[in-house]
């Protein structure tokens, strides 16, 4: 299963590329991180990094899709521009009858307020991993990540708790997301027009 991470943060993936992934195999490419992680990045200094929520605070680069407007490089209420824009990619795909779902996650690399540091000699590029953490006892407020499930959540309606059941719920679009636990449940009722 494939879910595109923070799709418009750096503008590297164009809407037609994302649409192409979905159309090539809609049972594998099922959606995108429409409510990106790194939400603590938006906490103002000195209590946080002071950047854009989701680290959406960049400008177009040499590899960015040139047709993206400036607002695509920031979040709206913590949601990716492609998700939060009426007529945006997510809205357009759904209007065309093409299933494409959004998720939320922590994208936790380095936790806001955490007291650990990467172990000595940590070099991900050279070793493909970081060494075991060391606990310093000093809170790090410069990180933009929350612990998984602490702030951003993807809720999946599944028939069970095993991987297959959860993946089937994701593929079927039985998903809703929240930031900050603002709501604890969601009920949606739909009926065909003219059925009373």
C-alpha atoms as a PDB file:
ATOM      1  CA  UNK A   1       0.000   0.000   0.000  1.00  0.00           C
ATOM      2  CA  UNK A   2       1.216   3.465  -0.873  1.00  0.00           C
ATOM      3  CA  UNK A   3       0.319   6.822   0.730  1.00  0.00           C
ATOM      4  CA  UNK A   4       2.220   9.885  -0.519  1.00  0.00           C
ATOM      5  CA  UNK A   5       3.969  11.768   2.308  1.00  0.00           C
ATOM      6  CA  UNK A   6       3.528  15.566   2.647  1.00  0.00           C
ATOM      7  CA  UNK A   7       2.732  15.869  -1.085  1.00  0.00           C
ATOM      8  CA  UNK A   8       3.146  19.587  -1.696  1.00  0.00           C
ATOM      9  CA  UNK A   9       5.588  20.631   1.063  1.00  0.00           C
ATOM     10  CA  UNK A  10       8.530  21.076  -1.312  1.00  0.00           C
ATOM     11  CA  UNK A  11       6.566  20.935  -4.562  1.00  0.00           C
ATOM     12  CA  UNK A  12       8.476  17.895  -5.825  1.00  0.00           C
ATOM     13  CA  UNK A  13       5.428  15.877  -6.900  1.00  0.00           C
ATOM     14  CA  UNK A  14       3.040  17.460  -9.362  1.00  0.00           C
ATOM     15  CA  UNK A  15      -0.709  16.795  -9.318  1.00  0.00           C
ATOM     16  CA  UNK A  16      -0.431  14.856 -12.595  1.00  0.00           C
ATOM     17  CA  UNK A  17       2.268  12.589 -11.067  1.00  0.00           C
ATOM     18  CA  UNK A  18       0.097  11.867  -8.030  1.00  0.00           C
ATOM     19  CA  UNK A  19      -2.897  11.279 -10.291  1.00  0.00           C
ATOM     20  CA  UNK A  20      -0.709   8.939 -12.367  1.00  0.00           C
ATOM     21  CA  UNK A  21       0.247   6.885  -9.300  1.00  0.00           C
ATOM     22  CA  UNK A  22      -3.411   6.541  -8.375  1.00  0.00           C
ATOM     23  CA  UNK A  23      -4.520   5.606 -11.876  1.00  0.00           C
ATOM     24  CA  UNK A  24      -1.685   3.098 -12.375  1.00  0.00           C
ATOM     25  CA  UNK A  25      -2.813   0.963  -9.440  1.00  0.00           C
ATOM     26  CA  UNK A  26      -5.725   2.298  -7.347  1.00  0.00           C
ATOM     27  CA  UNK A  27      -5.579  -0.633  -4.908  1.00  0.00           C
ATOM     28  CA  UNK A  28      -1.954   0.190  -4.024  1.00  0.00           C
ATOM     29  CA  UNK A  29      -1.731   3.999  -4.405  1.00  0.00           C
ATOM     30  CA  UNK A  30      -4.730   4.819  -2.215  1.00  0.00           C
ATOM     31  CA  UNK A  31      -4.082   8.295  -0.855  1.00  0.00           C
ATOM     32  CA  UNK A  32      -1.822  10.912   0.623  1.00  0.00           C
ATOM     33  CA  UNK A  33      -0.805  12.384   3.932  1.00  0.00           C
ATOM     34  CA  UNK A  34      -3.306  15.213   3.685  1.00  0.00           C
ATOM     35  CA  UNK A  35      -2.779  16.173   7.325  1.00  0.00           C
ATOM     36  CA  UNK A  36       1.019  16.008   7.526  1.00  0.00           C
ATOM     37  CA  UNK A  37       3.162  15.232  10.545  1.00  0.00           C
ATOM     38  CA  UNK A  38       5.682  17.590  12.129  1.00  0.00           C
ATOM     39  CA  UNK A  39       2.832  19.672  13.565  1.00  0.00           C
ATOM     40  CA  UNK A  40       4.975  20.856  16.511  1.00  0.00           C
ATOM     41  CA  UNK A  41       7.130  22.756  13.999  1.00  0.00           C
ATOM     42  CA  UNK A  42       4.527  25.536  14.184  1.00  0.00           C
ATOM     43  CA  UNK A  43       5.007  26.169  17.920  1.00  0.00           C
ATOM     44  CA  UNK A  44       6.491  29.656  18.332  1.00  0.00           C
ATOM     45  CA  UNK A  45       9.990  30.152  19.698  1.00  0.00           C
ATOM     46  CA  UNK A  46      11.277  29.761  22.397  1.00  0.00           C
ATOM     47  CA  UNK A  47       8.804  26.932  23.159  1.00  0.00           C
ATOM     48  CA  UNK A  48       9.164  25.358  19.722  1.00  0.00           C
ATOM     49  CA  UNK A  49      10.996  25.600  16.399  1.00  0.00           C
ATOM     50  CA  UNK A  50       8.985  28.618  15.216  1.00  0.00           C
ATOM     51  CA  UNK A  51       8.498  27.313  11.678  1.00  0.00           C
ATOM     52  CA  UNK A  52       5.493  26.331   9.614  1.00  0.00           C
ATOM     53  CA  UNK A  53       3.239  23.504  10.780  1.00  0.00           C
ATOM     54  CA  UNK A  54       4.381  20.319   9.091  1.00  0.00           C
ATOM     55  CA  UNK A  55       7.620  22.126   8.134  1.00  0.00           C
ATOM     56  CA  UNK A  56       5.613  23.668   5.302  1.00  0.00           C
ATOM     57  CA  UNK A  57       7.629  26.870   5.305  1.00  0.00           C
ATOM     58  CA  UNK A  58       9.778  26.609   2.207  1.00  0.00           C
ATOM     59  CA  UNK A  59       9.841  28.119  -1.228  1.00  0.00           C
ATOM     60  CA  UNK A  60       9.991  26.458  -4.624  1.00  0.00           C
ATOM     61  CA  UNK A  61      13.293  24.802  -5.450  1.00  0.00           C
ATOM     62  CA  UNK A  62      14.946  23.795  -8.698  1.00  0.00           C
ATOM     63  CA  UNK A  63      13.032  20.481  -8.705  1.00  0.00           C
ATOM     64  CA  UNK A  64       9.633  21.929  -7.756  1.00  0.00           C
ATOM     65  CA  UNK A  65       6.600  21.781 -10.048  1.00  0.00           C
ATOM     66  CA  UNK A  66       6.532  25.325 -11.434  1.00  0.00           C
ATOM     67  CA  UNK A  67       2.737  25.653 -11.583  1.00  0.00           C
ATOM     68  CA  UNK A  68       2.284  25.434  -7.803  1.00  0.00           C
ATOM     69  CA  UNK A  69       1.182  28.746  -6.277  1.00  0.00           C
ATOM     70  CA  UNK A  70       3.015  30.225  -3.276  1.00  0.00           C
ATOM     71  CA  UNK A  71       0.280  29.073  -0.852  1.00  0.00           C
ATOM     72  CA  UNK A  72       0.991  25.415  -1.651  1.00  0.00           C
ATOM     73  CA  UNK A  73       4.134  25.660   0.490  1.00  0.00           C
ATOM     74  CA  UNK A  74       2.223  26.128   3.753  1.00  0.00           C
ATOM     75  CA  UNK A  75      -0.511  24.303   5.619  1.00  0.00           C
ATOM     76  CA  UNK A  76      -4.033  25.477   6.376  1.00  0.00           C
ATOM     77  CA  UNK A  77      -5.182  24.414   9.838  1.00  0.00           C
ATOM     78  CA  UNK A  78      -2.391  21.861   9.679  1.00  0.00           C
ATOM     79  CA  UNK A  79      -3.660  20.368   6.400  1.00  0.00           C
ATOM     80  CA  UNK A  80      -1.774  20.167   3.106  1.00  0.00           C
ATOM     81  CA  UNK A  81      -2.836  22.659   0.456  1.00  0.00           C
ATOM     82  CA  UNK A  82      -3.920  19.800  -1.868  1.00  0.00           C
ATOM     83  CA  UNK A  83      -6.343  18.658   0.849  1.00  0.00           C
ATOM     84  CA  UNK A  84      -7.600  21.975   2.204  1.00  0.00           C
ATOM     85  CA  UNK A  85      -8.293  23.694  -1.127  1.00  0.00           C
ATOM     86  CA  UNK A  86     -11.771  23.504  -2.641  1.00  0.00           C
ATOM     87  CA  UNK A  87     -11.112  22.212  -6.147  1.00  0.00           C
ATOM     88  CA  UNK A  88      -7.658  21.002  -5.079  1.00  0.00           C
ATOM     89  CA  UNK A  89      -6.242  17.603  -5.946  1.00  0.00           C
ATOM     90  CA  UNK A  90      -8.160  15.665  -3.301  1.00  0.00           C
ATOM     91  CA  UNK A  91     -11.432  17.424  -4.063  1.00  0.00           C
ATOM     92  CA  UNK A  92     -10.941  16.940  -7.820  1.00  0.00           C
ATOM     93  CA  UNK A  93     -10.212  13.227  -7.580  1.00  0.00           C
ATOM     94  CA  UNK A  94     -13.273  12.625  -5.404  1.00  0.00           C
ATOM     95  CA  UNK A  95     -15.459  14.724  -7.744  1.00  0.00           C
ATOM     96  CA  UNK A  96     -14.298  12.516 -10.630  1.00  0.00           C
ATOM     97  CA  UNK A  97     -15.355   9.410  -8.685  1.00  0.00           C
ATOM     98  CA  UNK A  98     -11.756   8.326  -8.092  1.00  0.00           C
ATOM     99  CA  UNK A  99     -11.174   7.027  -4.573  1.00  0.00           C
ATOM    100  CA  UNK A 100      -8.228   8.853  -2.966  1.00  0.00           C
ATOM    101  CA  UNK A 101      -7.992   9.128   0.793  1.00  0.00           C
ATOM    102  CA  UNK A 102      -6.118  11.351   3.206  1.00  0.00           C
ATOM    103  CA  UNK A 103      -4.252  10.292   6.320  1.00  0.00           C
ATOM    104  CA  UNK A 104      -2.508  12.000   9.220  1.00  0.00           C
ATOM    105  CA  UNK A 105       0.582  10.890  11.082  1.00  0.00           C
ATOM    106  CA  UNK A 106       3.252  12.137  13.459  1.00  0.00           C
ATOM    107  CA  UNK A 107       6.163  11.732  11.022  1.00  0.00           C
ATOM    108  CA  UNK A 108       8.181  11.554  14.247  1.00  0.00           C
ATOM    109  CA  UNK A 109      11.905  11.773  13.708  1.00  0.00           C
ATOM    110  CA  UNK A 110      12.797  13.849  16.773  1.00  0.00           C
ATOM    111  CA  UNK A 111      10.160  14.475  19.449  1.00  0.00           C
ATOM    112  CA  UNK A 112       9.286  17.966  20.731  1.00  0.00           C
ATOM    113  CA  UNK A 113      10.078  18.127  24.444  1.00  0.00           C
ATOM    114  CA  UNK A 114      11.926  14.790  24.298  1.00  0.00           C
ATOM    115  CA  UNK A 115      14.974  14.270  26.512  1.00  0.00           C
ATOM    116  CA  UNK A 116      17.013  11.983  24.274  1.00  0.00           C
ATOM    117  CA  UNK A 117      19.759  12.617  21.765  1.00  0.00           C
ATOM    118  CA  UNK A 118      21.000  10.444  18.940  1.00  0.00           C
ATOM    119  CA  UNK A 119      23.780   8.123  19.999  1.00  0.00           C
ATOM    120  CA  UNK A 120      27.434   8.913  19.303  1.00  0.00           C
ATOM    121  CA  UNK A 121      28.561   8.392  15.729  1.00  0.00           C
ATOM    122  CA  UNK A 122      25.025   8.546  14.331  1.00  0.00           C
ATOM    123  CA  UNK A 123      25.257   9.017  10.575  1.00  0.00           C
ATOM    124  CA  UNK A 124      22.094   7.950   8.783  1.00  0.00           C
ATOM    125  CA  UNK A 125      23.476   8.654   5.314  1.00  0.00           C
ATOM    126  CA  UNK A 126      26.515   6.461   5.885  1.00  0.00           C
ATOM    127  CA  UNK A 127      24.990   3.697   8.043  1.00  0.00           C
ATOM    128  CA  UNK A 128      21.279   3.702   7.159  1.00  0.00           C
ATOM    129  CA  UNK A 129      20.401   4.143  10.838  1.00  0.00           C
ATOM    130  CA  UNK A 130      20.956   6.254  13.925  1.00  0.00           C
ATOM    131  CA  UNK A 131      22.698   4.787  16.943  1.00  0.00           C
ATOM    132  CA  UNK A 132      20.681   3.992  20.069  1.00  0.00           C
ATOM    133  CA  UNK A 133      19.534   7.165  21.831  1.00  0.00           C
ATOM    134  CA  UNK A 134      21.140   8.639  24.910  1.00  0.00           C
ATOM    135  CA  UNK A 135      18.882  10.202  27.521  1.00  0.00           C
ATOM    136  CA  UNK A 136      20.163  13.636  28.551  1.00  0.00           C
ATOM    137  CA  UNK A 137      17.358  14.696  30.874  1.00  0.00           C
ATOM    138  CA  UNK A 138      17.119  18.082  29.120  1.00  0.00           C
ATOM    139  CA  UNK A 139      13.977  18.763  27.099  1.00  0.00           C
ATOM    140  CA  UNK A 140      14.496  19.572  23.405  1.00  0.00           C
ATOM    141  CA  UNK A 141      11.951  22.178  22.308  1.00  0.00           C
ATOM    142  CA  UNK A 142      13.542  22.723  18.898  1.00  0.00           C
ATOM    143  CA  UNK A 143      11.990  19.631  17.325  1.00  0.00           C
ATOM    144  CA  UNK A 144       8.854  19.746  15.195  1.00  0.00           C
ATOM    145  CA  UNK A 145       7.541  16.244  15.914  1.00  0.00           C
ATOM    146  CA  UNK A 146       5.016  14.838  18.371  1.00  0.00           C
ATOM    147  CA  UNK A 147       4.932  11.246  19.564  1.00  0.00           C
ATOM    148  CA  UNK A 148       2.835   8.999  17.284  1.00  0.00           C
ATOM    149  CA  UNK A 149      -0.854   9.430  18.126  1.00  0.00           C
ATOM    150  CA  UNK A 150      -0.228  12.355  20.489  1.00  0.00           C
ATOM    151  CA  UNK A 151      -1.468  15.091  18.158  1.00  0.00           C
ATOM    152  CA  UNK A 152      -2.271  13.743  14.668  1.00  0.00           C
ATOM    153  CA  UNK A 153      -4.374  10.629  14.197  1.00  0.00           C
ATOM    154  CA  UNK A 154      -5.812   8.575  11.363  1.00  0.00           C
ATOM    155  CA  UNK A 155      -8.971   6.728  12.425  1.00  0.00           C
ATOM    156  CA  UNK A 156      -9.763   3.632  10.344  1.00  0.00           C
ATOM    157  CA  UNK A 157     -13.015   1.694  10.323  1.00  0.00           C
ATOM    158  CA  UNK A 158     -11.927  -1.936  10.141  1.00  0.00           C
ATOM    159  CA  UNK A 159     -13.422  -5.366  10.728  1.00  0.00           C
ATOM    160  CA  UNK A 160     -10.562  -6.295  13.065  1.00  0.00           C
ATOM    161  CA  UNK A 161      -7.222  -5.248  14.493  1.00  0.00           C
ATOM    162  CA  UNK A 162      -4.918  -7.221  12.197  1.00  0.00           C
ATOM    163  CA  UNK A 163      -2.923  -5.592   9.398  1.00  0.00           C
ATOM    164  CA  UNK A 164      -5.096  -6.995   6.634  1.00  0.00           C
ATOM    165  CA  UNK A 165      -8.298  -5.624   8.184  1.00  0.00           C
ATOM    166  CA  UNK A 166      -6.784  -2.177   8.739  1.00  0.00           C
ATOM    167  CA  UNK A 167      -5.369  -2.075   5.209  1.00  0.00           C
ATOM    168  CA  UNK A 168      -8.780  -3.046   3.821  1.00  0.00           C
ATOM    169  CA  UNK A 169     -10.349  -0.183   5.798  1.00  0.00           C
ATOM    170  CA  UNK A 170      -7.764   2.208   4.328  1.00  0.00           C
ATOM    171  CA  UNK A 171      -8.363   0.948   0.775  1.00  0.00           C
ATOM    172  CA  UNK A 172     -12.123   1.292   1.237  1.00  0.00           C
ATOM    173  CA  UNK A 173     -11.790   4.890   2.472  1.00  0.00           C
ATOM    174  CA  UNK A 174     -13.252   4.233   5.909  1.00  0.00           C
ATOM    175  CA  UNK A 175     -10.955   6.929   7.295  1.00  0.00           C
ATOM    176  CA  UNK A 176     -11.139  10.219   9.110  1.00  0.00           C
ATOM    177  CA  UNK A 177      -8.307  12.262  10.573  1.00  0.00           C
ATOM    178  CA  UNK A 178      -7.936  14.734  13.416  1.00  0.00           C
ATOM    179  CA  UNK A 179      -5.356  17.072  14.898  1.00  0.00           C
ATOM    180  CA  UNK A 180      -5.171  17.697  18.630  1.00  0.00           C
ATOM    181  CA  UNK A 181      -8.052  15.414  19.575  1.00  0.00           C
ATOM    182  CA  UNK A 182     -10.567  18.143  18.749  1.00  0.00           C
ATOM    183  CA  UNK A 183     -13.232  15.519  18.076  1.00  0.00           C
ATOM    184  CA  UNK A 184     -13.482  11.981  19.427  1.00  0.00           C
ATOM    185  CA  UNK A 185     -15.921  10.532  16.913  1.00  0.00           C
ATOM    186  CA  UNK A 186     -17.560  11.207  13.605  1.00  0.00           C
ATOM    187  CA  UNK A 187     -20.914   9.997  12.320  1.00  0.00           C
ATOM    188  CA  UNK A 188     -21.792  10.398   8.650  1.00  0.00           C
ATOM    189  CA  UNK A 189     -25.127   9.361   7.148  1.00  0.00           C
ATOM    190  CA  UNK A 190     -25.747   9.481   3.432  1.00  0.00           C
ATOM    191  CA  UNK A 191     -28.715   8.532   1.261  1.00  0.00           C
ATOM    192  CA  UNK A 192     -29.598   8.805  -2.380  1.00  0.00           C
ATOM    193  CA  UNK A 193     -31.530  11.901  -3.382  1.00  0.00           C
ATOM    194  CA  UNK A 194     -35.285  11.426  -3.447  1.00  0.00           C
ATOM    195  CA  UNK A 195     -35.336   8.485  -0.994  1.00  0.00           C
ATOM    196  CA  UNK A 196     -36.837  10.467   1.873  1.00  0.00           C
END
